[in-house]
Amino acid sequence: MSSPFAAPDSQLHLPPIPWASLSHIFMFGNGKGGVGKSSVSANAAGKAARSGLRTLIIDCNAQGNIARELGYKRADWNDGGAGLLESLRTGTALRPQRSVRENLDVVMGGPALGDEFGIFFHTLLAKEGPHAYLRLLMCLLPIAHEYQIIILDTPPENPSLQRLALSTARWLVIPVKSDGGAEDGLAQIGLEFSYVRFVSRLNPHLELLGVLLFDTGRNYTGIHADVRRQVQKVLGEDAHMFKHLIGHTESVARLVRKRGLLVRELADRRREGDRTVPETVEGLVADYEGFTEEMFARALELRKDAAA
């Protein structure tokens, strides 16, 4: 049986991949859980969709966290990841749930991506070797042209799903918290990045777009500098840190999960007179929207540099 860590046989035929047309695919990933991947994925996608961009979220998480972020956890159409698993199993095009928000479609995650996925993918890996990690990309290609922005939310607890996403994305964004435990998660995602881009060359166009500080005090400059040193220690001196960060606002974080609303939607409720929404929501809106604009601008800049 092929090892999932072995480089692919150079004689194996790779399917033609139009990498140049896939520069709109962003992945949020970290080797550690609880660092804000789902929250940032959902709110960045929401910002893009509100800006008029056709946007797709692919929830690669067995916990189905995007369902909580967008408020469809108990919806009768929430398939718990069964549709995504079926596409991966059969190699057929992904079938998103349309219009979860205006301009925003979702490929749902959930329990089907747990043990059931693990059994299937173990078999696929034995049959195809490392090229099995291109299966998600092959299922996305038939519909990728329908979207201007595609965002992948990924799990730390399932390396196979994480590697499938890395083999699909153009840009990797790593959210980290300033709680002193960043290094292990950075090291894990760094190793996976290196495998996909350099060792196997499954995705030679994958780039680290930057590292985002999440759920931190906005004025904790000393702590932020320490995190920056950790990032550079693990990922290298050239690792980019986004200027924008996502601040710590616990009351708002609890409320968005309870109501299944994006931060901007919660802020709109306050503006409409709902005083159960804390005023601090405005700062969090500015954080998410400022970061999203910076993320897209940096991707565009790097694309232009590569084309020059």
C-alpha atoms as a PDB file:
ATOM      1  CA  MET A   1       0.000   0.000   0.000  1.00  0.00           C
ATOM      2  CA  SER A   2       1.249   3.505  -0.792  1.00  0.00           C
ATOM      3  CA  SER A   3       2.306   5.588   2.193  1.00  0.00           C
ATOM      4  CA  PRO A   4       0.423   8.897   2.544  1.00  0.00           C
ATOM      5  CA  PHE A   5       3.816  10.497   3.198  1.00  0.00           C
ATOM      6  CA  ALA A   6       5.538   9.159   0.092  1.00  0.00           C
ATOM      7  CA  ALA A   7       6.174  11.459  -2.853  1.00  0.00           C
ATOM      8  CA  PRO A   8       4.092  10.423  -5.888  1.00  0.00           C
ATOM      9  CA  ASP A   9       5.611   8.239  -8.546  1.00  0.00           C
ATOM     10  CA  SER A  10       6.881  10.586 -11.276  1.00  0.00           C
ATOM     11  CA  GLN A  11       5.523   8.156 -13.889  1.00  0.00           C
ATOM     12  CA  LEU A  12       1.951   8.565 -12.682  1.00  0.00           C
ATOM     13  CA  HIS A  13      -0.178  10.812 -14.855  1.00  0.00           C
ATOM     14  CA  LEU A  14      -1.449  13.969 -13.197  1.00  0.00           C
ATOM     15  CA  PRO A  15      -4.740  15.272 -14.578  1.00  0.00           C
ATOM     16  CA  PRO A  16      -4.495  18.645 -16.331  1.00  0.00           C
ATOM     17  CA  ILE A  17      -5.149  21.372 -13.779  1.00  0.00           C
ATOM     18  CA  PRO A  18      -5.827  24.987 -14.848  1.00  0.00           C
ATOM     19  CA  TRP A  19      -3.860  26.489 -11.976  1.00  0.00           C
ATOM     20  CA  ALA A  20      -3.863  29.965 -13.523  1.00  0.00           C
ATOM     21  CA  SER A  21      -7.650  30.150 -13.207  1.00  0.00           C
ATOM     22  CA  LEU A  22      -7.706  29.053  -9.549  1.00  0.00           C
ATOM     23  CA  SER A  23      -6.194  32.091  -7.858  1.00  0.00           C
ATOM     24  CA  HIS A  24      -9.508  32.852  -6.103  1.00  0.00           C
ATOM     25  CA  ILE A  25      -9.291  29.920  -3.663  1.00  0.00           C
ATOM     26  CA  PHE A  26      -8.407  30.756  -0.042  1.00  0.00           C
ATOM     27  CA  MET A  27      -7.877  28.290   2.791  1.00  0.00           C
ATOM     28  CA  PHE A  28      -7.909  28.978   6.533  1.00  0.00           C
ATOM     29  CA  GLY A  29      -5.851  26.374   8.358  1.00  0.00           C
ATOM     30  CA  ASN A  30      -3.835  25.650  11.482  1.00  0.00           C
ATOM     31  CA  GLY A  31      -2.637  22.483  13.172  1.00  0.00           C
ATOM     32  CA  LYS A  32      -4.428  23.617  16.333  1.00  0.00           C
ATOM     33  CA  GLY A  33      -8.152  23.933  16.979  1.00  0.00           C
ATOM     34  CA  GLY A  34      -9.986  26.857  18.517  1.00  0.00           C
ATOM     35  CA  VAL A  35      -8.023  29.576  16.744  1.00  0.00           C
ATOM     36  CA  GLY A  36     -10.895  31.113  14.777  1.00  0.00           C
ATOM     37  CA  LYS A  37     -10.695  29.361  11.400  1.00  0.00           C
ATOM     38  CA  SER A  38     -14.463  28.939  11.045  1.00  0.00           C
ATOM     39  CA  SER A  39     -15.326  32.395  12.365  1.00  0.00           C
ATOM     40  CA  VAL A  40     -12.883  34.074  10.003  1.00  0.00           C
ATOM     41  CA  SER A  41     -13.924  31.861   7.071  1.00  0.00           C
ATOM     42  CA  ALA A  42     -17.607  32.711   7.518  1.00  0.00           C
ATOM     43  CA  ASN A  43     -17.156  36.436   8.116  1.00  0.00           C
ATOM     44  CA  ALA A  44     -14.655  36.867   5.274  1.00  0.00           C
ATOM     45  CA  ALA A  45     -17.037  35.032   2.950  1.00  0.00           C
ATOM     46  CA  GLY A  46     -19.910  37.169   4.173  1.00  0.00           C
ATOM     47  CA  LYS A  47     -17.961  40.346   3.465  1.00  0.00           C
ATOM     48  CA  ALA A  48     -17.121  39.151  -0.050  1.00  0.00           C
ATOM     49  CA  ALA A  49     -20.743  38.192  -0.745  1.00  0.00           C
ATOM     50  CA  ARG A  50     -22.075  41.542   0.525  1.00  0.00           C
ATOM     51  CA  SER A  51     -19.610  43.244  -1.806  1.00  0.00           C
ATOM     52  CA  GLY A  52     -21.361  41.567  -4.731  1.00  0.00           C
ATOM     53  CA  LEU A  53     -18.854  38.748  -5.285  1.00  0.00           C
ATOM     54  CA  ARG A  54     -20.233  35.261  -5.946  1.00  0.00           C
ATOM     55  CA  THR A  55     -18.783  33.338  -3.030  1.00  0.00           C
ATOM     56  CA  LEU A  56     -18.541  29.685  -2.001  1.00  0.00           C
ATOM     57  CA  ILE A  57     -17.578  28.230   1.381  1.00  0.00           C
ATOM     58  CA  ILE A  58     -16.496  24.595   1.539  1.00  0.00           C
ATOM     59  CA  ASP A  59     -16.774  23.316   5.105  1.00  0.00           C
ATOM     60  CA  CYS A  60     -14.207  20.504   5.394  1.00  0.00           C
ATOM     61  CA  ASN A  61     -14.848  20.033   9.108  1.00  0.00           C
ATOM     62  CA  ALA A  62     -16.586  17.028  10.650  1.00  0.00           C
ATOM     63  CA  GLN A  63     -17.899  19.381  13.340  1.00  0.00           C
ATOM     64  CA  GLY A  64     -19.681  21.404  10.658  1.00  0.00           C
ATOM     65  CA  ASN A  65     -18.771  24.696  12.299  1.00  0.00           C
ATOM     66  CA  ILE A  66     -19.905  26.821   9.357  1.00  0.00           C
ATOM     67  CA  ALA A  67     -23.477  25.668  10.095  1.00  0.00           C
ATOM     68  CA  ARG A  68     -23.201  27.334  13.487  1.00  0.00           C
ATOM     69  CA  GLU A  69     -21.631  30.486  12.064  1.00  0.00           C
ATOM     70  CA  LEU A  70     -24.350  30.894   9.413  1.00  0.00           C
ATOM     71  CA  GLY A  71     -27.248  29.623  11.506  1.00  0.00           C
ATOM     72  CA  TYR A  72     -28.358  26.588   9.495  1.00  0.00           C
ATOM     73  CA  LYS A  73     -27.360  23.840  11.936  1.00  0.00           C
ATOM     74  CA  ARG A  74     -30.975  22.691  12.385  1.00  0.00           C
ATOM     75  CA  ALA A  75     -32.125  23.400   8.832  1.00  0.00           C
ATOM     76  CA  ASP A  76     -33.791  20.436   7.128  1.00  0.00           C
ATOM     77  CA  TRP A  77     -31.438  20.830   4.147  1.00  0.00           C
ATOM     78  CA  ASN A  78     -28.283  20.550   6.255  1.00  0.00           C
ATOM     79  CA  ASP A  79     -26.887  17.207   5.092  1.00  0.00           C
ATOM     80  CA  GLY A  80     -24.077  17.034   7.662  1.00  0.00           C
ATOM     81  CA  GLY A  81     -21.388  16.638   5.020  1.00  0.00           C
ATOM     82  CA  ALA A  82     -23.063  13.726   3.214  1.00  0.00           C
ATOM     83  CA  GLY A  83     -23.088  15.562  -0.118  1.00  0.00           C
ATOM     84  CA  LEU A  84     -19.407  16.446   0.116  1.00  0.00           C
ATOM     85  CA  LEU A  85     -18.534  12.869   1.026  1.00  0.00           C
ATOM     86  CA  GLU A  86     -20.565  11.531  -1.908  1.00  0.00           C
ATOM     87  CA  SER A  87     -18.776  13.847  -4.360  1.00  0.00           C
ATOM     88  CA  LEU A  88     -15.388  12.775  -2.984  1.00  0.00           C
ATOM     89  CA  ARG A  89     -16.397   9.143  -3.169  1.00  0.00           C
ATOM     90  CA  THR A  90     -17.655   9.266  -6.767  1.00  0.00           C
ATOM     91  CA  GLY A  91     -15.357  11.982  -8.107  1.00  0.00           C
ATOM     92  CA  THR A  92     -18.332  14.053  -9.236  1.00  0.00           C
ATOM     93  CA  ALA A  93     -18.866  17.829  -9.062  1.00  0.00           C
ATOM     94  CA  LEU A  94     -19.623  19.412  -5.712  1.00  0.00           C
ATOM     95  CA  ARG A  95     -23.267  20.385  -5.210  1.00  0.00           C
ATOM     96  CA  PRO A  96     -23.465  23.474  -2.987  1.00  0.00           C
ATOM     97  CA  GLN A  97     -26.492  24.629  -1.064  1.00  0.00           C
ATOM     98  CA  ARG A  98     -27.432  27.770  -2.947  1.00  0.00           C
ATOM     99  CA  SER A  99     -28.127  31.208  -1.473  1.00  0.00           C
ATOM    100  CA  VAL A 100     -27.471  30.560   2.211  1.00  0.00           C
ATOM    101  CA  ARG A 101     -26.942  34.308   2.068  1.00  0.00           C
ATOM    102  CA  GLU A 102     -27.238  36.547  -0.965  1.00  0.00           C
ATOM    103  CA  ASN A 103     -24.290  35.670  -3.265  1.00  0.00           C
ATOM    104  CA  LEU A 104     -23.130  33.016  -0.777  1.00  0.00           C
ATOM    105  CA  ASP A 105     -23.329  29.246  -1.374  1.00  0.00           C
ATOM    106  CA  VAL A 106     -22.082  26.506   0.974  1.00  0.00           C
ATOM    107  CA  VAL A 107     -20.774  22.962   0.604  1.00  0.00           C
ATOM    108  CA  MET A 108     -21.696  21.624   4.013  1.00  0.00           C
ATOM    109  CA  GLY A 109     -19.498  19.790   6.477  1.00  0.00           C
ATOM    110  CA  GLY A 110     -20.524  17.626   9.394  1.00  0.00           C
ATOM    111  CA  PRO A 111     -20.416  14.097  10.862  1.00  0.00           C
ATOM    112  CA  ALA A 112     -20.210  12.349   7.469  1.00  0.00           C
ATOM    113  CA  LEU A 113     -16.633  13.656   7.290  1.00  0.00           C
ATOM    114  CA  GLY A 114     -15.665  11.685  10.377  1.00  0.00           C
ATOM    115  CA  ASP A 115     -15.188   7.912  10.479  1.00  0.00           C
ATOM    116  CA  GLU A 116     -17.137   7.313   7.264  1.00  0.00           C
ATOM    117  CA  PHE A 117     -14.806   9.618   5.356  1.00  0.00           C
ATOM    118  CA  GLY A 118     -11.772   8.013   7.011  1.00  0.00           C
ATOM    119  CA  ILE A 119     -12.702   4.513   5.815  1.00  0.00           C
ATOM    120  CA  PHE A 120     -13.346   5.715   2.272  1.00  0.00           C
ATOM    121  CA  PHE A 121     -10.186   7.795   2.016  1.00  0.00           C
ATOM    122  CA  HIS A 122      -7.950   5.045   3.375  1.00  0.00           C
ATOM    123  CA  THR A 123      -9.156   2.878   0.469  1.00  0.00           C
ATOM    124  CA  LEU A 124      -8.692   5.681  -2.080  1.00  0.00           C
ATOM    125  CA  LEU A 125      -5.177   6.375  -0.817  1.00  0.00           C
ATOM    126  CA  ALA A 126      -4.242   2.717  -1.157  1.00  0.00           C
ATOM    127  CA  LYS A 127      -5.482   2.751  -4.745  1.00  0.00           C
ATOM    128  CA  GLU A 128      -4.182   6.114  -5.993  1.00  0.00           C
ATOM    129  CA  GLY A 129      -1.331   6.973  -3.646  1.00  0.00           C
ATOM    130  CA  PRO A 130      -0.728  10.652  -2.856  1.00  0.00           C
ATOM    131  CA  HIS A 131      -2.649  11.764  -5.951  1.00  0.00           C
ATOM    132  CA  ALA A 132      -5.760  10.930  -3.926  1.00  0.00           C
ATOM    133  CA  TYR A 133      -5.219  14.302  -2.248  1.00  0.00           C
ATOM    134  CA  LEU A 134      -6.267  15.986  -5.504  1.00  0.00           C
ATOM    135  CA  ARG A 135      -9.790  14.519  -5.250  1.00  0.00           C
ATOM    136  CA  LEU A 136     -11.359  17.630  -3.677  1.00  0.00           C
ATOM    137  CA  LEU A 137      -9.833  19.836  -6.366  1.00  0.00           C
ATOM    138  CA  MET A 138     -11.165  17.540  -9.108  1.00  0.00           C
ATOM    139  CA  CYS A 139     -14.657  17.775  -7.598  1.00  0.00           C
ATOM    140  CA  LEU A 140     -14.410  21.568  -7.367  1.00  0.00           C
ATOM    141  CA  LEU A 141     -13.107  22.222 -10.887  1.00  0.00           C
ATOM    142  CA  PRO A 142     -16.472  21.801 -12.692  1.00  0.00           C
ATOM    143  CA  ILE A 143     -18.038  24.611 -10.635  1.00  0.00           C
ATOM    144  CA  ALA A 144     -15.029  26.782  -9.714  1.00  0.00           C
ATOM    145  CA  HIS A 145     -15.712  29.180 -12.592  1.00  0.00           C
ATOM    146  CA  GLU A 146     -19.115  30.044 -11.098  1.00  0.00           C
ATOM    147  CA  TYR A 147     -17.468  31.860  -8.190  1.00  0.00           C
ATOM    148  CA  GLN A 148     -15.240  34.872  -7.720  1.00  0.00           C
ATOM    149  CA  ILE A 149     -14.182  33.839  -4.207  1.00  0.00           C
ATOM    150  CA  ILE A 150     -13.898  30.301  -2.787  1.00  0.00           C
ATOM    151  CA  ILE A 151     -13.051  29.768   0.900  1.00  0.00           C
ATOM    152  CA  LEU A 152     -12.071  26.469   2.518  1.00  0.00           C
ATOM    153  CA  ASP A 153     -12.576  26.009   6.264  1.00  0.00           C
ATOM    154  CA  THR A 154     -10.385  23.144   7.448  1.00  0.00           C
ATOM    155  CA  PRO A 155     -10.065  20.898  10.515  1.00  0.00           C
ATOM    156  CA  PRO A 156      -6.884  20.388  12.531  1.00  0.00           C
ATOM    157  CA  GLU A 157      -8.009  16.970  13.761  1.00  0.00           C
ATOM    158  CA  ASN A 158      -8.176  15.348  10.305  1.00  0.00           C
ATOM    159  CA  PRO A 159      -4.846  15.521   8.422  1.00  0.00           C
ATOM    160  CA  SER A 160      -6.329  13.911   5.300  1.00  0.00           C
ATOM    161  CA  LEU A 161      -9.009  16.582   4.930  1.00  0.00           C
ATOM    162  CA  GLN A 162      -6.454  19.272   5.676  1.00  0.00           C
ATOM    163  CA  ARG A 163      -4.154  17.918   2.975  1.00  0.00           C
ATOM    164  CA  LEU A 164      -7.047  17.710   0.490  1.00  0.00           C
ATOM    165  CA  ALA A 165      -7.689  21.409   1.108  1.00  0.00           C
ATOM    166  CA  LEU A 166      -4.010  22.355   0.783  1.00  0.00           C
ATOM    167  CA  SER A 167      -3.912  20.520  -2.542  1.00  0.00           C
ATOM    168  CA  THR A 168      -6.832  22.676  -3.705  1.00  0.00           C
ATOM    169  CA  ALA A 169      -6.088  26.179  -2.405  1.00  0.00           C
ATOM    170  CA  ARG A 170      -4.039  28.964  -3.957  1.00  0.00           C
ATOM    171  CA  TRP A 171      -3.637  30.897  -0.715  1.00  0.00           C
ATOM    172  CA  LEU A 172      -3.161  29.694   2.862  1.00  0.00           C
ATOM    173  CA  VAL A 173      -4.094  31.980   5.764  1.00  0.00           C
ATOM    174  CA  ILE A 174      -3.157  30.824   9.265  1.00  0.00           C
ATOM    175  CA  PRO A 175      -5.158  32.283  12.174  1.00  0.00           C
ATOM    176  CA  VAL A 176      -3.345  32.133  15.522  1.00  0.00           C
ATOM    177  CA  LYS A 177      -4.190  33.150  19.061  1.00  0.00           C
ATOM    178  CA  SER A 178      -1.879  35.059  21.368  1.00  0.00           C
ATOM    179  CA  ASP A 179      -2.283  32.572  24.232  1.00  0.00           C
ATOM    180  CA  GLY A 180       1.267  31.234  24.086  1.00  0.00           C
ATOM    181  CA  GLY A 181       0.412  27.968  22.334  1.00  0.00           C
ATOM    182  CA  ALA A 182       0.921  28.969  18.721  1.00  0.00           C
ATOM    183  CA  GLU A 183       4.121  27.095  17.864  1.00  0.00           C
ATOM    184  CA  ASP A 184       2.793  23.517  17.690  1.00  0.00           C
ATOM    185  CA  GLY A 185      -0.104  24.416  15.405  1.00  0.00           C
ATOM    186  CA  LEU A 186       2.158  26.510  13.172  1.00  0.00           C
ATOM    187  CA  ALA A 187       4.697  23.688  12.941  1.00  0.00           C
ATOM    188  CA  GLN A 188       2.053  21.139  11.948  1.00  0.00           C
ATOM    189  CA  ILE A 189       0.469  23.239   9.207  1.00  0.00           C
ATOM    190  CA  GLY A 190       3.952  24.261   8.054  1.00  0.00           C
ATOM    191  CA  LEU A 191       4.932  20.612   7.559  1.00  0.00           C
ATOM    192  CA  GLU A 192       1.728  19.895   5.636  1.00  0.00           C
ATOM    193  CA  PHE A 193       2.293  22.966   3.457  1.00  0.00           C
ATOM    194  CA  SER A 194       5.833  21.814   2.676  1.00  0.00           C
ATOM    195  CA  TYR A 195       4.664  18.320   1.777  1.00  0.00           C
ATOM    196  CA  VAL A 196       1.962  19.528  -0.614  1.00  0.00           C
ATOM    197  CA  ARG A 197       3.996  22.232  -2.318  1.00  0.00           C
ATOM    198  CA  PHE A 198       7.617  21.091  -2.243  1.00  0.00           C
ATOM    199  CA  VAL A 199       7.872  17.364  -1.487  1.00  0.00           C
ATOM    200  CA  SER A 200       5.005  15.935  -3.541  1.00  0.00           C
ATOM    201  CA  ARG A 201       4.429  19.036  -5.700  1.00  0.00           C
ATOM    202  CA  LEU A 202       0.738  18.176  -5.699  1.00  0.00           C
ATOM    203  CA  ASN A 203       0.057  21.911  -5.581  1.00  0.00           C
ATOM    204  CA  PRO A 204       3.128  23.876  -6.710  1.00  0.00           C
ATOM    205  CA  HIS A 205       1.121  27.120  -6.724  1.00  0.00           C
ATOM    206  CA  LEU A 206       0.162  27.071  -3.046  1.00  0.00           C
ATOM    207  CA  GLU A 207       1.421  30.132  -1.162  1.00  0.00           C
ATOM    208  CA  LEU A 208       1.338  31.268   2.451  1.00  0.00           C
ATOM    209  CA  LEU A 209      -0.615  34.519   2.228  1.00  0.00           C
ATOM    210  CA  GLY A 210      -0.107  35.426   5.874  1.00  0.00           C
ATOM    211  CA  VAL A 211      -0.762  34.869   9.558  1.00  0.00           C
ATOM    212  CA  LEU A 212      -3.730  36.495  11.316  1.00  0.00           C
ATOM    213  CA  LEU A 213      -3.876  37.265  15.030  1.00  0.00           C
ATOM    214  CA  PHE A 214      -7.295  36.201  16.317  1.00  0.00           C
ATOM    215  CA  ASP A 215      -9.186  36.941  19.543  1.00  0.00           C
ATOM    216  CA  THR A 216      -6.561  39.220  21.031  1.00  0.00           C
ATOM    217  CA  GLY A 217      -6.469  42.566  22.820  1.00  0.00           C
ATOM    218  CA  ARG A 218      -6.073  45.277  20.215  1.00  0.00           C
ATOM    219  CA  ASN A 219      -3.493  47.186  22.274  1.00  0.00           C
ATOM    220  CA  TYR A 220      -1.407  44.228  23.486  1.00  0.00           C
ATOM    221  CA  THR A 221       1.585  45.255  21.382  1.00  0.00           C
ATOM    222  CA  GLY A 222       4.129  43.382  23.504  1.00  0.00           C
ATOM    223  CA  ILE A 223       2.174  40.138  23.228  1.00  0.00           C
ATOM    224  CA  HIS A 224       1.691  40.674  19.488  1.00  0.00           C
ATOM    225  CA  ALA A 225       5.445  41.147  19.043  1.00  0.00           C
ATOM    226  CA  ASP A 226       6.045  37.878  20.890  1.00  0.00           C
ATOM    227  CA  VAL A 227       3.611  36.037  18.611  1.00  0.00           C
ATOM    228  CA  ARG A 228       5.373  37.562  15.602  1.00  0.00           C
ATOM    229  CA  ARG A 229       8.661  36.128  16.883  1.00  0.00           C
ATOM    230  CA  GLN A 230       7.048  32.699  17.284  1.00  0.00           C
ATOM    231  CA  VAL A 231       5.687  32.878  13.738  1.00  0.00           C
ATOM    232  CA  GLN A 232       9.077  33.820  12.289  1.00  0.00           C
ATOM    233  CA  LYS A 233      10.815  31.143  14.349  1.00  0.00           C
ATOM    234  CA  VAL A 234       8.552  28.399  12.963  1.00  0.00           C
ATOM    235  CA  LEU A 235       7.681  29.653   9.465  1.00  0.00           C
ATOM    236  CA  GLY A 236      10.729  31.758   8.646  1.00  0.00           C
ATOM    237  CA  GLU A 237      11.703  35.429   8.713  1.00  0.00           C
ATOM    238  CA  ASP A 238       9.669  36.214   5.596  1.00  0.00           C
ATOM    239  CA  ALA A 239       6.360  34.951   7.000  1.00  0.00           C
ATOM    240  CA  HIS A 240       3.834  37.758   6.590  1.00  0.00           C
ATOM    241  CA  MET A 241       1.718  38.990   9.499  1.00  0.00           C
ATOM    242  CA  PHE A 242      -1.453  40.820   8.557  1.00  0.00           C
ATOM    243  CA  LYS A 243      -1.684  44.355   9.908  1.00  0.00           C
ATOM    244  CA  HIS A 244      -5.315  43.871  10.839  1.00  0.00           C
ATOM    245  CA  LEU A 245      -6.209  41.545  13.704  1.00  0.00           C
ATOM    246  CA  ILE A 246      -9.448  40.204  15.141  1.00  0.00           C
ATOM    247  CA  GLY A 247     -10.000  41.651  18.597  1.00  0.00           C
ATOM    248  CA  HIS A 248     -11.289  39.948  21.718  1.00  0.00           C
ATOM    249  CA  THR A 249     -14.974  40.656  22.329  1.00  0.00           C
ATOM    250  CA  GLU A 250     -16.368  37.704  24.272  1.00  0.00           C
ATOM    251  CA  SER A 251     -19.952  38.964  24.573  1.00  0.00           C
ATOM    252  CA  VAL A 252     -20.226  39.434  20.807  1.00  0.00           C
ATOM    253  CA  ALA A 253     -18.553  36.073  20.079  1.00  0.00           C
ATOM    254  CA  ARG A 254     -21.124  34.293  22.248  1.00  0.00           C
ATOM    255  CA  LEU A 255     -24.030  36.164  20.694  1.00  0.00           C
ATOM    256  CA  VAL A 256     -23.143  35.446  17.061  1.00  0.00           C
ATOM    257  CA  ARG A 257     -22.977  31.725  17.807  1.00  0.00           C
ATOM    258  CA  LYS A 258     -26.255  31.800  19.726  1.00  0.00           C
ATOM    259  CA  ARG A 259     -28.115  33.631  16.960  1.00  0.00           C
ATOM    260  CA  GLY A 260     -26.367  32.130  13.936  1.00  0.00           C
ATOM    261  CA  LEU A 261     -25.497  35.554  12.553  1.00  0.00           C
ATOM    262  CA  LEU A 262     -22.355  37.010  11.059  1.00  0.00           C
ATOM    263  CA  VAL A 263     -20.782  39.898  12.944  1.00  0.00           C
ATOM    264  CA  ARG A 264     -21.965  42.430  10.344  1.00  0.00           C
ATOM    265  CA  GLU A 265     -25.519  41.067  10.594  1.00  0.00           C
ATOM    266  CA  LEU A 266     -25.404  41.394  14.368  1.00  0.00           C
ATOM    267  CA  ALA A 267     -24.215  44.990  14.031  1.00  0.00           C
ATOM    268  CA  ASP A 268     -27.121  45.676  11.669  1.00  0.00           C
ATOM    269  CA  ARG A 269     -29.514  44.449  14.380  1.00  0.00           C
ATOM    270  CA  ARG A 270     -28.050  46.949  16.817  1.00  0.00           C
ATOM    271  CA  ARG A 271     -28.392  49.750  14.285  1.00  0.00           C
ATOM    272  CA  GLU A 272     -32.036  48.763  13.891  1.00  0.00           C
ATOM    273  CA  GLY A 273     -32.530  49.272  17.631  1.00  0.00           C
ATOM    274  CA  ASP A 274     -31.666  45.924  19.249  1.00  0.00           C
ATOM    275  CA  ARG A 275     -29.842  47.018  22.398  1.00  0.00           C
ATOM    276  CA  THR A 276     -29.198  43.425  23.491  1.00  0.00           C
ATOM    277  CA  VAL A 277     -26.326  43.604  20.994  1.00  0.00           C
ATOM    278  CA  PRO A 278     -23.268  45.181  22.680  1.00  0.00           C
ATOM    279  CA  GLU A 279     -21.827  48.375  21.221  1.00  0.00           C
ATOM    280  CA  THR A 280     -18.470  46.575  20.962  1.00  0.00           C
ATOM    281  CA  VAL A 281     -19.821  44.765  17.900  1.00  0.00           C
ATOM    282  CA  GLU A 282     -18.783  47.769  15.793  1.00  0.00           C
ATOM    283  CA  GLY A 283     -15.107  47.249  16.612  1.00  0.00           C
ATOM    284  CA  LEU A 284     -15.339  43.598  15.628  1.00  0.00           C
ATOM    285  CA  VAL A 285     -17.037  44.484  12.336  1.00  0.00           C
ATOM    286  CA  ALA A 286     -14.154  46.849  11.570  1.00  0.00           C
ATOM    287  CA  ASP A 287     -11.651  44.088  12.402  1.00  0.00           C
ATOM    288  CA  TYR A 288     -13.229  41.469  10.127  1.00  0.00           C
ATOM    289  CA  GLU A 289     -13.886  43.804   7.232  1.00  0.00           C
ATOM    290  CA  GLY A 290     -10.456  45.450   7.456  1.00  0.00           C
ATOM    291  CA  PHE A 291      -8.744  42.061   7.491  1.00  0.00           C
ATOM    292  CA  THR A 292     -10.807  40.726   4.571  1.00  0.00           C
ATOM    293  CA  GLU A 293      -9.989  43.750   2.439  1.00  0.00           C
ATOM    294  CA  GLU A 294      -6.302  43.431   3.351  1.00  0.00           C
ATOM    295  CA  MET A 295      -6.315  39.695   2.547  1.00  0.00           C
ATOM    296  CA  PHE A 296      -7.805  40.197  -0.911  1.00  0.00           C
ATOM    297  CA  ALA A 297      -5.513  43.149  -1.635  1.00  0.00           C
ATOM    298  CA  ARG A 298      -2.418  41.145  -0.674  1.00  0.00           C
ATOM    299  CA  ALA A 299      -3.479  38.210  -2.880  1.00  0.00           C
ATOM    300  CA  LEU A 300      -3.976  40.586  -5.804  1.00  0.00           C
ATOM    301  CA  GLU A 301      -0.588  42.192  -5.185  1.00  0.00           C
ATOM    302  CA  LEU A 302       1.192  38.833  -5.101  1.00  0.00           C
ATOM    303  CA  ARG A 303      -0.579  37.746  -8.297  1.00  0.00           C
ATOM    304  CA  LYS A 304       0.606  40.885 -10.042  1.00  0.00           C
ATOM    305  CA  ASP A 305       4.171  40.355  -8.793  1.00  0.00           C
ATOM    306  CA  ALA A 306       4.132  36.761 -10.086  1.00  0.00           C
ATOM    307  CA  ALA A 307       2.870  37.877 -13.485  1.00  0.00           C
ATOM    308  CA  ALA A 308       5.486  40.650 -13.844  1.00  0.00           C
END
